[in-house]
Protein backbone atom coordinates (compact mmCIF):
# COMPACT_ATOMS: atom_id res chain seq x y z
CA MET A 1 -2.42 -1.21 -57.95
CA SER A 2 -2.55 -0.98 -54.20
CA SER A 3 -4.22 1.98 -52.51
CA HIS A 4 -3.76 3.08 -48.90
CA PRO A 5 -5.49 6.47 -48.64
CA GLU A 6 -5.39 6.32 -44.85
CA GLN A 7 -1.60 6.39 -45.12
CA GLY A 8 -1.51 8.84 -48.05
CA TRP A 9 -0.02 6.68 -50.82
CA ARG A 10 -0.78 4.38 -53.75
CA LEU A 11 1.40 1.75 -55.45
CA LEU A 12 0.87 1.61 -59.22
CA CYS A 13 1.33 -1.53 -61.34
CA ASN A 14 4.53 -0.05 -62.85
CA GLY A 15 6.17 0.15 -59.41
CA VAL A 16 5.70 3.89 -58.89
CA VAL A 17 4.58 4.98 -55.42
CA LEU A 18 2.35 8.09 -55.56
CA PHE A 19 1.85 10.23 -52.48
CA ASP A 20 -1.17 12.42 -51.68
CA ASP A 21 1.03 15.53 -51.77
CA ASP A 22 1.74 14.75 -55.48
CA GLY A 23 5.27 13.55 -54.84
CA ALA A 24 6.39 10.17 -56.17
CA LEU A 25 9.00 7.49 -55.52
CA LEU A 26 10.18 5.77 -58.70
CA PRO A 27 11.17 2.08 -58.91
CA ASP A 28 14.85 3.01 -59.34
CA GLY A 29 14.79 4.91 -56.02
CA ARG A 30 14.60 8.44 -57.43
CA ALA A 31 12.11 10.80 -55.79
CA VAL A 32 9.90 13.30 -57.60
CA ALA A 33 9.11 16.28 -55.39
CA ASP A 34 5.69 17.81 -54.98
CA HIS A 35 5.17 20.23 -57.87
CA HIS A 36 2.77 22.56 -56.07
CA VAL A 37 3.78 25.97 -54.78
CA TRP A 38 2.25 26.25 -51.34
CA LEU A 39 1.54 29.83 -50.29
CA ALA A 40 0.95 31.02 -46.76
CA PRO A 41 -2.40 32.78 -46.26
CA GLN A 42 -2.16 36.56 -46.29
CA PRO A 43 -3.91 38.66 -43.66
CA VAL A 44 -6.96 40.57 -44.87
CA SER A 45 -6.84 44.34 -44.41
CA ALA A 46 -10.08 46.09 -43.43
């Protein structure tokens, strides 16, 4: 395993590259998208 947190990624021993945003790049070149749903902050009403 190789870790480069300053660049936002890790290389696992099986050849998978993991990114800090939870995406991944597989050894066969396929990409796995981030699975999070990012929501914009909503204004607070007083």
